Amino acid sequence: MTGPAHAAMLAAQQSLLNAGVVDCALGRPQTDFTAFTIVMRLDAEGRVQQTWRQGSSPLAICLQRYVRDKTVFVPPKAPFYSALEISFTR
């Protein structure tokens, strides 16, 4: 994806991630800041059909559960694979 479609995809991913972090971490102290990745397989309507996760922090596990069955964005083709790659810096 390029141009406006790519920008729209990134904005949709950011929105999903922001909502997921609020749902998973707000009011809960986090101690494990290891990097993780969540891969999502989207259907033609942009709904998450399947996920895979690399990383086992409580936040990673919660976010994987959070994104299941969510609609992210309408992809150009289906199935479409998208990933949330999260790392933390101090």
PDB file of N, CA and C in Angstrom:
ATOM      1  N   MET A   1       0.846  -1.175   0.000  1.00  0.00           N
ATOM      2  CA  MET A   1       0.000   0.000   0.000  1.00  0.00           C
ATOM      3  C   MET A   1       0.886   1.230   0.000  1.00  0.00           C
ATOM      4  N   THR A   2       0.414   2.261  -0.704  1.00  0.00           N
ATOM      5  CA  THR A   2       1.170   3.509  -0.774  1.00  0.00           C
ATOM      6  C   THR A   2       0.219   4.694  -0.684  1.00  0.00           C
ATOM      7  N   GLY A   3       0.796   5.853  -0.527  1.00  0.00           N
ATOM      8  CA  GLY A   3       0.037   7.097  -0.562  1.00  0.00           C
ATOM      9  C   GLY A   3      -1.053   7.189   0.488  1.00  0.00           C
ATOM     10  N   PRO A   4      -2.212   7.740   0.096  1.00  0.00           N
ATOM     11  CA  PRO A   4      -3.305   7.944   1.046  1.00  0.00           C
ATOM     12  C   PRO A   4      -3.819   6.645   1.677  1.00  0.00           C
ATOM     13  N   ALA A   5      -3.814   5.546   0.918  1.00  0.00           N
ATOM     14  CA  ALA A   5      -4.276   4.273   1.471  1.00  0.00           C
ATOM     15  C   ALA A   5      -3.356   3.816   2.598  1.00  0.00           C
ATOM     16  N   HIS A   6      -2.066   3.998   2.420  1.00  0.00           N
ATOM     17  CA  HIS A   6      -1.105   3.636   3.459  1.00  0.00           C
ATOM     18  C   HIS A   6      -1.282   4.524   4.688  1.00  0.00           C
ATOM     19  N   ALA A   7      -1.462   5.796   4.480  1.00  0.00           N
ATOM     20  CA  ALA A   7      -1.682   6.726   5.597  1.00  0.00           C
ATOM     21  C   ALA A   7      -2.960   6.370   6.356  1.00  0.00           C
ATOM     22  N   ALA A   8      -4.007   5.999   5.640  1.00  0.00           N
ATOM     23  CA  ALA A   8      -5.266   5.617   6.279  1.00  0.00           C
ATOM     24  C   ALA A   8      -5.092   4.324   7.084  1.00  0.00           C
ATOM     25  N   MET A   9      -4.327   3.382   6.533  1.00  0.00           N
ATOM     26  CA  MET A   9      -4.067   2.137   7.249  1.00  0.00           C
ATOM     27  C   MET A   9      -3.320   2.416   8.550  1.00  0.00           C
ATOM     28  N   LEU A  10      -2.283   3.246   8.487  1.00  0.00           N
ATOM     29  CA  LEU A  10      -1.512   3.572   9.688  1.00  0.00           C
ATOM     30  C   LEU A  10      -2.372   4.286  10.725  1.00  0.00           C
ATOM     31  N   ALA A  11      -3.234   5.181  10.290  1.00  0.00           N
ATOM     32  CA  ALA A  11      -4.124   5.886  11.218  1.00  0.00           C
ATOM     33  C   ALA A  11      -5.092   4.914  11.888  1.00  0.00           C
ATOM     34  N   ALA A  12      -5.611   3.967  11.125  1.00  0.00           N
ATOM     35  CA  ALA A  12      -6.532   2.973  11.689  1.00  0.00           C
ATOM     36  C   ALA A  12      -5.815   2.070  12.683  1.00  0.00           C
ATOM     37  N   GLN A  13      -4.596   1.672  12.352  1.00  0.00           N
ATOM     38  CA  GLN A  13      -3.813   0.855  13.280  1.00  0.00           C
ATOM     39  C   GLN A  13      -3.524   1.632  14.563  1.00  0.00           C
ATOM     40  N   GLN A  14      -3.174   2.900  14.436  1.00  0.00           N
ATOM     41  CA  GLN A  14      -2.879   3.727  15.601  1.00  0.00           C
ATOM     42  C   GLN A  14      -4.101   3.865  16.492  1.00  0.00           C
ATOM     43  N   SER A  15      -5.249   4.059  15.883  1.00  0.00           N
ATOM     44  CA  SER A  15      -6.494   4.176  16.640  1.00  0.00           C
ATOM     45  C   SER A  15      -6.793   2.881  17.390  1.00  0.00           C
ATOM     46  N   LEU A  16      -6.636   1.744  16.727  1.00  0.00           N
ATOM     47  CA  LEU A  16      -6.859   0.445  17.355  1.00  0.00           C
ATOM     48  C   LEU A  16      -5.883   0.247  18.509  1.00  0.00           C
ATOM     49  N   LEU A  17      -4.619   0.567  18.285  1.00  0.00           N
ATOM     50  CA  LEU A  17      -3.607   0.409  19.323  1.00  0.00           C
ATOM     51  C   LEU A  17      -3.888   1.314  20.517  1.00  0.00           C
ATOM     52  N   ASN A  18      -4.223   2.566  20.259  1.00  0.00           N
ATOM     53  CA  ASN A  18      -4.524   3.496  21.354  1.00  0.00           C
ATOM     54  C   ASN A  18      -5.677   2.990  22.211  1.00  0.00           C
ATOM     55  N   ALA A  19      -6.746   2.549  21.568  1.00  0.00           N
ATOM     56  CA  ALA A  19      -7.905   2.047  22.310  1.00  0.00           C
ATOM     57  C   ALA A  19      -7.538   0.775  23.081  1.00  0.00           C
ATOM     58  N   GLY A  20      -6.741  -0.074  22.486  1.00  0.00           N
ATOM     59  CA  GLY A  20      -6.331  -1.300  23.144  1.00  0.00           C
ATOM     60  C   GLY A  20      -5.451  -1.045  24.358  1.00  0.00           C
ATOM     61  N   VAL A  21      -4.538  -0.096  24.246  1.00  0.00           N
ATOM     62  CA  VAL A  21      -3.674   0.235  25.384  1.00  0.00           C
ATOM     63  C   VAL A  21      -4.507   0.810  26.529  1.00  0.00           C
ATOM     64  N   VAL A  22      -5.464   1.658  26.209  1.00  0.00           N
ATOM     65  CA  VAL A  22      -6.342   2.187  27.260  1.00  0.00           C
ATOM     66  C   VAL A  22      -7.091   1.046  27.931  1.00  0.00           C
ATOM     67  N   ASP A  23      -7.642   0.145  27.136  1.00  0.00           N
ATOM     68  CA  ASP A  23      -8.408  -0.977  27.682  1.00  0.00           C
ATOM     69  C   ASP A  23      -7.530  -1.921  28.500  1.00  0.00           C
ATOM     70  N   CYS A  24      -6.309  -2.155  28.057  1.00  0.00           N
ATOM     71  CA  CYS A  24      -5.442  -3.148  28.695  1.00  0.00           C
ATOM     72  C   CYS A  24      -4.563  -2.591  29.810  1.00  0.00           C
ATOM     73  N   ALA A  25      -4.214  -1.325  29.754  1.00  0.00           N
ATOM     74  CA  ALA A  25      -3.204  -0.831  30.681  1.00  0.00           C
ATOM     75  C   ALA A  25      -3.662   0.300  31.597  1.00  0.00           C
ATOM     76  N   LEU A  26      -4.735   0.984  31.281  1.00  0.00           N
ATOM     77  CA  LEU A  26      -5.146   2.137  32.072  1.00  0.00           C
ATOM     78  C   LEU A  26      -5.438   1.717  33.508  1.00  0.00           C
ATOM     79  N   GLY A  27      -4.744   2.324  34.427  1.00  0.00           N
ATOM     80  CA  GLY A  27      -4.949   2.037  35.836  1.00  0.00           C
ATOM     81  C   GLY A  27      -4.242   0.788  36.326  1.00  0.00           C
ATOM     82  N   ARG A  28      -3.511   0.111  35.441  1.00  0.00           N
ATOM     83  CA  ARG A  28      -2.780  -1.092  35.828  1.00  0.00           C
ATOM     84  C   ARG A  28      -1.285  -0.831  35.635  1.00  0.00           C
ATOM     85  N   PRO A  29      -0.507  -0.873  36.696  1.00  0.00           N
ATOM     86  CA  PRO A  29       0.937  -0.642  36.542  1.00  0.00           C
ATOM     87  C   PRO A  29       1.566  -1.690  35.626  1.00  0.00           C
ATOM     88  N   GLN A  30       2.393  -1.245  34.730  1.00  0.00           N
ATOM     89  CA  GLN A  30       3.081  -2.146  33.813  1.00  0.00           C
ATOM     90  C   GLN A  30       4.539  -2.277  34.250  1.00  0.00           C
ATOM     91  N   THR A  31       5.037  -3.492  34.287  1.00  0.00           N
ATOM     92  CA  THR A  31       6.430  -3.712  34.661  1.00  0.00           C
ATOM     93  C   THR A  31       7.231  -4.391  33.552  1.00  0.00           C
ATOM     94  N   ASP A  32       6.558  -4.999  32.608  1.00  0.00           N
ATOM     95  CA  ASP A  32       7.235  -5.712  31.518  1.00  0.00           C
ATOM     96  C   ASP A  32       7.128  -4.888  30.250  1.00  0.00           C
ATOM     97  N   PHE A  33       8.256  -4.302  29.850  1.00  0.00           N
ATOM     98  CA  PHE A  33       8.280  -3.444  28.672  1.00  0.00           C
ATOM     99  C   PHE A  33       9.083  -4.066  27.535  1.00  0.00           C
ATOM    100  N   THR A  34       8.985  -5.385  27.408  1.00  0.00           N
ATOM    101  CA  THR A  34       9.671  -6.039  26.299  1.00  0.00           C
ATOM    102  C   THR A  34       8.872  -5.820  25.008  1.00  0.00           C
ATOM    103  N   ALA A  35       9.601  -5.763  23.913  1.00  0.00           N
ATOM    104  CA  ALA A  35       8.980  -5.548  22.604  1.00  0.00           C
ATOM    105  C   ALA A  35       8.106  -6.739  22.235  1.00  0.00           C
ATOM    106  N   PHE A  36       7.072  -6.466  21.426  1.00  0.00           N
ATOM    107  CA  PHE A  36       6.213  -7.548  20.953  1.00  0.00           C
ATOM    108  C   PHE A  36       5.591  -7.167  19.620  1.00  0.00           C
ATOM    109  N   THR A  37       5.089  -8.179  18.945  1.00  0.00           N
ATOM    110  CA  THR A  37       4.424  -7.996  17.651  1.00  0.00           C
ATOM    111  C   THR A  37       3.134  -8.797  17.652  1.00  0.00           C
ATOM    112  N   ILE A  38       2.089  -8.195  17.108  1.00  0.00           N
ATOM    113  CA  ILE A  38       0.815  -8.881  16.912  1.00  0.00           C
ATOM    114  C   ILE A  38       0.490  -8.803  15.422  1.00  0.00           C
ATOM    115  N   VAL A  39       0.376  -9.951  14.785  1.00  0.00           N
ATOM    116  CA  VAL A  39       0.018 -10.020  13.367  1.00  0.00           C
ATOM    117  C   VAL A  39      -1.471 -10.324  13.298  1.00  0.00           C
ATOM    118  N   MET A  40      -2.156  -9.611  12.419  1.00  0.00           N
ATOM    119  CA  MET A  40      -3.601  -9.779  12.262  1.00  0.00           C
ATOM    120  C   MET A  40      -3.934 -10.149  10.824  1.00  0.00           C
ATOM    121  N   ARG A  41      -4.798 -11.127  10.648  1.00  0.00           N
ATOM    122  CA  ARG A  41      -5.317 -11.465   9.313  1.00  0.00           C
ATOM    123  C   ARG A  41      -6.701 -10.857   9.217  1.00  0.00           C
ATOM    124  N   LEU A  42      -6.884  -9.955   8.248  1.00  0.00           N
ATOM    125  CA  LEU A  42      -8.154  -9.259   8.059  1.00  0.00           C
ATOM    126  C   LEU A  42      -8.940  -9.885   6.917  1.00  0.00           C
ATOM    127  N   ASP A  43     -10.266  -9.863   7.051  1.00  0.00           N
ATOM    128  CA  ASP A  43     -11.123 -10.311   5.956  1.00  0.00           C
ATOM    129  C   ASP A  43     -11.417  -9.123   5.032  1.00  0.00           C
ATOM    130  N   ALA A  44     -12.277  -9.312   4.060  1.00  0.00           N
ATOM    131  CA  ALA A  44     -12.571  -8.282   3.059  1.00  0.00           C
ATOM    132  C   ALA A  44     -13.190  -7.024   3.662  1.00  0.00           C
ATOM    133  N   GLU A  45     -13.847  -7.161   4.813  1.00  0.00           N
ATOM    134  CA  GLU A  45     -14.462  -5.996   5.473  1.00  0.00           C
ATOM    135  C   GLU A  45     -13.513  -5.331   6.460  1.00  0.00           C
ATOM    136  N   GLY A  46     -12.333  -5.929   6.661  1.00  0.00           N
ATOM    137  CA  GLY A  46     -11.355  -5.358   7.579  1.00  0.00           C
ATOM    138  C   GLY A  46     -11.450  -5.873   9.000  1.00  0.00           C
ATOM    139  N   ARG A  47     -12.248  -6.925   9.209  1.00  0.00           N
ATOM    140  CA  ARG A  47     -12.396  -7.509  10.546  1.00  0.00           C
ATOM    141  C   ARG A  47     -11.249  -8.486  10.791  1.00  0.00           C
ATOM    142  N   VAL A  48     -10.689  -8.438  12.000  1.00  0.00           N
ATOM    143  CA  VAL A  48      -9.608  -9.341  12.381  1.00  0.00           C
ATOM    144  C   VAL A  48     -10.178 -10.749  12.515  1.00  0.00           C
ATOM    145  N   GLN A  49      -9.655 -11.667  11.712  1.00  0.00           N
ATOM    146  CA  GLN A  49     -10.110 -13.049  11.697  1.00  0.00           C
ATOM    147  C   GLN A  49      -9.199 -13.979  12.482  1.00  0.00           C
ATOM    148  N   GLN A  50      -7.918 -13.619  12.546  1.00  0.00           N
ATOM    149  CA  GLN A  50      -6.952 -14.479  13.223  1.00  0.00           C
ATOM    150  C   GLN A  50      -5.788 -13.606  13.664  1.00  0.00           C
ATOM    151  N   THR A  51      -5.133 -13.997  14.767  1.00  0.00           N
ATOM    152  CA  THR A  51      -3.975 -13.254  15.254  1.00  0.00           C
ATOM    153  C   THR A  51      -2.855 -14.211  15.621  1.00  0.00           C
ATOM    154  N   TRP A  52      -1.644 -13.682  15.558  1.00  0.00           N
ATOM    155  CA  TRP A  52      -0.456 -14.373  16.034  1.00  0.00           C
ATOM    156  C   TRP A  52       0.327 -13.354  16.846  1.00  0.00           C
ATOM    157  N   ARG A  53       1.008 -13.826  17.864  1.00  0.00           N
ATOM    158  CA  ARG A  53       1.743 -12.917  18.745  1.00  0.00           C
ATOM    159  C   ARG A  53       3.147 -13.432  18.962  1.00  0.00           C
ATOM    160  N   GLN A  54       4.109 -12.507  18.923  1.00  0.00           N
ATOM    161  CA  GLN A  54       5.482 -12.793  19.341  1.00  0.00           C
ATOM    162  C   GLN A  54       5.727 -11.908  20.548  1.00  0.00           C
ATOM    163  N   GLY A  55       5.977 -12.502  21.685  1.00  0.00           N
ATOM    164  CA  GLY A  55       6.144 -11.778  22.934  1.00  0.00           C
ATOM    165  C   GLY A  55       5.092 -12.248  23.922  1.00  0.00           C
ATOM    166  N   SER A  56       5.459 -12.263  25.190  1.00  0.00           N
ATOM    167  CA  SER A  56       4.541 -12.836  26.164  1.00  0.00           C
ATOM    168  C   SER A  56       4.274 -11.926  27.359  1.00  0.00           C
ATOM    169  N   SER A  57       4.491 -10.633  27.199  1.00  0.00           N
ATOM    170  CA  SER A  57       4.201  -9.725  28.306  1.00  0.00           C
ATOM    171  C   SER A  57       2.686  -9.671  28.526  1.00  0.00           C
ATOM    172  N   PRO A  58       2.259  -9.314  29.727  1.00  0.00           N
ATOM    173  CA  PRO A  58       0.824  -9.183  29.968  1.00  0.00           C
ATOM    174  C   PRO A  58       0.149  -8.206  28.999  1.00  0.00           C
ATOM    175  N   LEU A  59       0.828  -7.118  28.648  1.00  0.00           N
ATOM    176  CA  LEU A  59       0.250  -6.155  27.705  1.00  0.00           C
ATOM    177  C   LEU A  59       0.097  -6.781  26.320  1.00  0.00           C
ATOM    178  N   ALA A  60       1.090  -7.530  25.872  1.00  0.00           N
ATOM    179  CA  ALA A  60       1.012  -8.188  24.562  1.00  0.00           C
ATOM    180  C   ALA A  60      -0.152  -9.164  24.517  1.00  0.00           C
ATOM    181  N   ILE A  61      -0.298  -9.962  25.553  1.00  0.00           N
ATOM    182  CA  ILE A  61      -1.380 -10.948  25.602  1.00  0.00           C
ATOM    183  C   ILE A  61      -2.737 -10.249  25.599  1.00  0.00           C
ATOM    184  N   CYS A  62      -2.866  -9.201  26.400  1.00  0.00           N
ATOM    185  CA  CYS A  62      -4.136  -8.467  26.461  1.00  0.00           C
ATOM    186  C   CYS A  62      -4.457  -7.804  25.117  1.00  0.00           C
ATOM    187  N   LEU A  63      -3.464  -7.185  24.491  1.00  0.00           N
ATOM    188  CA  LEU A  63      -3.720  -6.525  23.201  1.00  0.00           C
ATOM    189  C   LEU A  63      -4.098  -7.527  22.126  1.00  0.00           C
ATOM    190  N   GLN A  64      -3.486  -8.700  22.146  1.00  0.00           N
ATOM    191  CA  GLN A  64      -3.869  -9.725  21.171  1.00  0.00           C
ATOM    192  C   GLN A  64      -5.342 -10.074  21.348  1.00  0.00           C
ATOM    193  N   ARG A  65      -5.759 -10.259  22.581  1.00  0.00           N
ATOM    194  CA  ARG A  65      -7.174 -10.557  22.835  1.00  0.00           C
ATOM    195  C   ARG A  65      -8.059  -9.381  22.445  1.00  0.00           C
ATOM    196  N   TYR A  66      -7.597  -8.166  22.700  1.00  0.00           N
ATOM    197  CA  TYR A  66      -8.393  -6.970  22.414  1.00  0.00           C
ATOM    198  C   TYR A  66      -8.693  -6.827  20.920  1.00  0.00           C
ATOM    199  N   VAL A  67      -7.703  -7.072  20.066  1.00  0.00           N
ATOM    200  CA  VAL A  67      -7.892  -6.823  18.629  1.00  0.00           C
ATOM    201  C   VAL A  67      -8.760  -7.870  17.940  1.00  0.00           C
ATOM    202  N   ARG A  68      -8.926  -9.036  18.562  1.00  0.00           N
ATOM    203  CA  ARG A  68      -9.728 -10.091  17.935  1.00  0.00           C
ATOM    204  C   ARG A  68     -11.139  -9.600  17.660  1.00  0.00           C
ATOM    205  N   ASP A  69     -11.605  -9.855  16.456  1.00  0.00           N
ATOM    206  CA  ASP A  69     -12.946  -9.499  15.989  1.00  0.00           C
ATOM    207  C   ASP A  69     -13.175  -8.000  15.821  1.00  0.00           C
ATOM    208  N   LYS A  70     -12.147  -7.175  16.000  1.00  0.00           N
ATOM    209  CA  LYS A  70     -12.290  -5.743  15.763  1.00  0.00           C
ATOM    210  C   LYS A  70     -12.188  -5.490  14.258  1.00  0.00           C
ATOM    211  N   THR A  71     -12.796  -4.411  13.809  1.00  0.00           N
ATOM    212  CA  THR A  71     -12.642  -3.976  12.422  1.00  0.00           C
ATOM    213  C   THR A  71     -11.571  -2.902  12.398  1.00  0.00           C
ATOM    214  N   VAL A  72     -10.553  -3.097  11.574  1.00  0.00           N
ATOM    215  CA  VAL A  72      -9.424  -2.176  11.529  1.00  0.00           C
ATOM    216  C   VAL A  72      -9.605  -1.186  10.384  1.00  0.00           C
ATOM    217  N   PHE A  73      -9.624  -1.672   9.153  1.00  0.00           N
ATOM    218  CA  PHE A  73      -9.834  -0.853   7.953  1.00  0.00           C
ATOM    219  C   PHE A  73     -10.146  -1.798   6.815  1.00  0.00           C
ATOM    220  N   VAL A  74     -10.759  -1.304   5.771  1.00  0.00           N
ATOM    221  CA  VAL A  74     -11.081  -2.150   4.612  1.00  0.00           C
ATOM    222  C   VAL A  74      -9.805  -2.286   3.777  1.00  0.00           C
ATOM    223  N   PRO A  75      -9.290  -3.502   3.671  1.00  0.00           N
ATOM    224  CA  PRO A  75      -8.043  -3.710   2.933  1.00  0.00           C
ATOM    225  C   PRO A  75      -8.274  -3.764   1.423  1.00  0.00           C
ATOM    226  N   PRO A  76      -7.197  -3.613   0.654  1.00  0.00           N
ATOM    227  CA  PRO A  76      -7.322  -3.658  -0.802  1.00  0.00           C
ATOM    228  C   PRO A  76      -7.613  -5.057  -1.328  1.00  0.00           C
ATOM    229  N   LYS A  77      -7.324  -6.083  -0.519  1.00  0.00           N
ATOM    230  CA  LYS A  77      -7.587  -7.471  -0.907  1.00  0.00           C
ATOM    231  C   LYS A  77      -7.728  -8.284   0.373  1.00  0.00           C
ATOM    232  N   ALA A  78      -8.285  -9.470   0.231  1.00  0.00           N
ATOM    233  CA  ALA A  78      -8.426 -10.349   1.393  1.00  0.00           C
ATOM    234  C   ALA A  78      -7.932 -11.739   1.021  1.00  0.00           C
ATOM    235  N   PRO A  79      -7.298 -12.445   1.897  1.00  0.00           N
ATOM    236  CA  PRO A  79      -6.957 -11.969   3.225  1.00  0.00           C
ATOM    237  C   PRO A  79      -5.847 -10.930   3.153  1.00  0.00           C
ATOM    238  N   PHE A  80      -5.799 -10.081   4.159  1.00  0.00           N
ATOM    239  CA  PHE A  80      -4.785  -9.040   4.252  1.00  0.00           C
ATOM    240  C   PHE A  80      -4.131  -9.171   5.622  1.00  0.00           C
ATOM    241  N   TYR A  81      -2.812  -9.117   5.643  1.00  0.00           N
ATOM    242  CA  TYR A  81      -2.071  -9.267   6.889  1.00  0.00           C
ATOM    243  C   TYR A  81      -1.495  -7.914   7.309  1.00  0.00           C
ATOM    244  N   SER A  82      -1.694  -7.601   8.565  1.00  0.00           N
ATOM    245  CA  SER A  82      -1.233  -6.338   9.127  1.00  0.00           C
ATOM    246  C   SER A  82      -0.602  -6.649  10.480  1.00  0.00           C
ATOM    247  N   ALA A  83       0.333  -5.822  10.914  1.00  0.00           N
ATOM    248  CA  ALA A  83       1.011  -6.096  12.183  1.00  0.00           C
ATOM    249  C   ALA A  83       1.139  -4.839  13.023  1.00  0.00           C
ATOM    250  N   LEU A  84       1.054  -5.046  14.328  1.00  0.00           N
ATOM    251  CA  LEU A  84       1.362  -4.015  15.305  1.00  0.00           C
ATOM    252  C   LEU A  84       2.695  -4.416  15.928  1.00  0.00           C
ATOM    253  N   GLU A  85       3.742  -3.639  15.650  1.00  0.00           N
ATOM    254  CA  GLU A  85       5.066  -3.919  16.202  1.00  0.00           C
ATOM    255  C   GLU A  85       5.327  -2.876  17.270  1.00  0.00           C
ATOM    256  N   ILE A  86       5.459  -3.324  18.519  1.00  0.00           N
ATOM    257  CA  ILE A  86       5.561  -2.421  19.652  1.00  0.00           C
ATOM    258  C   ILE A  86       6.913  -2.579  20.323  1.00  0.00           C
ATOM    259  N   SER A  87       7.586  -1.455  20.536  1.00  0.00           N
ATOM    260  CA  SER A  87       8.818  -1.463  21.323  1.00  0.00           C
ATOM    261  C   SER A  87       8.793  -0.232  22.221  1.00  0.00           C
ATOM    262  N   PHE A  88       9.531  -0.307  23.288  1.00  0.00           N
ATOM    263  CA  PHE A  88       9.563   0.757  24.279  1.00  0.00           C
ATOM    264  C   PHE A  88      10.977   1.269  24.422  1.00  0.00           C
ATOM    265  N   THR A  89      11.117   2.571  24.664  1.00  0.00           N
ATOM    266  CA  THR A  89      12.432   3.155  24.915  1.00  0.00           C
ATOM    267  C   THR A  89      12.370   3.919  26.230  1.00  0.00           C
ATOM    268  N   ARG A  90      13.500   4.053  26.835  1.00  0.00           N
ATOM    269  CA  ARG A  90      13.566   4.792  28.103  1.00  0.00           C
ATOM    270  C   ARG A  90      14.331   6.062  27.916  1.00  0.00           C
TER     271      ARG A  90
END
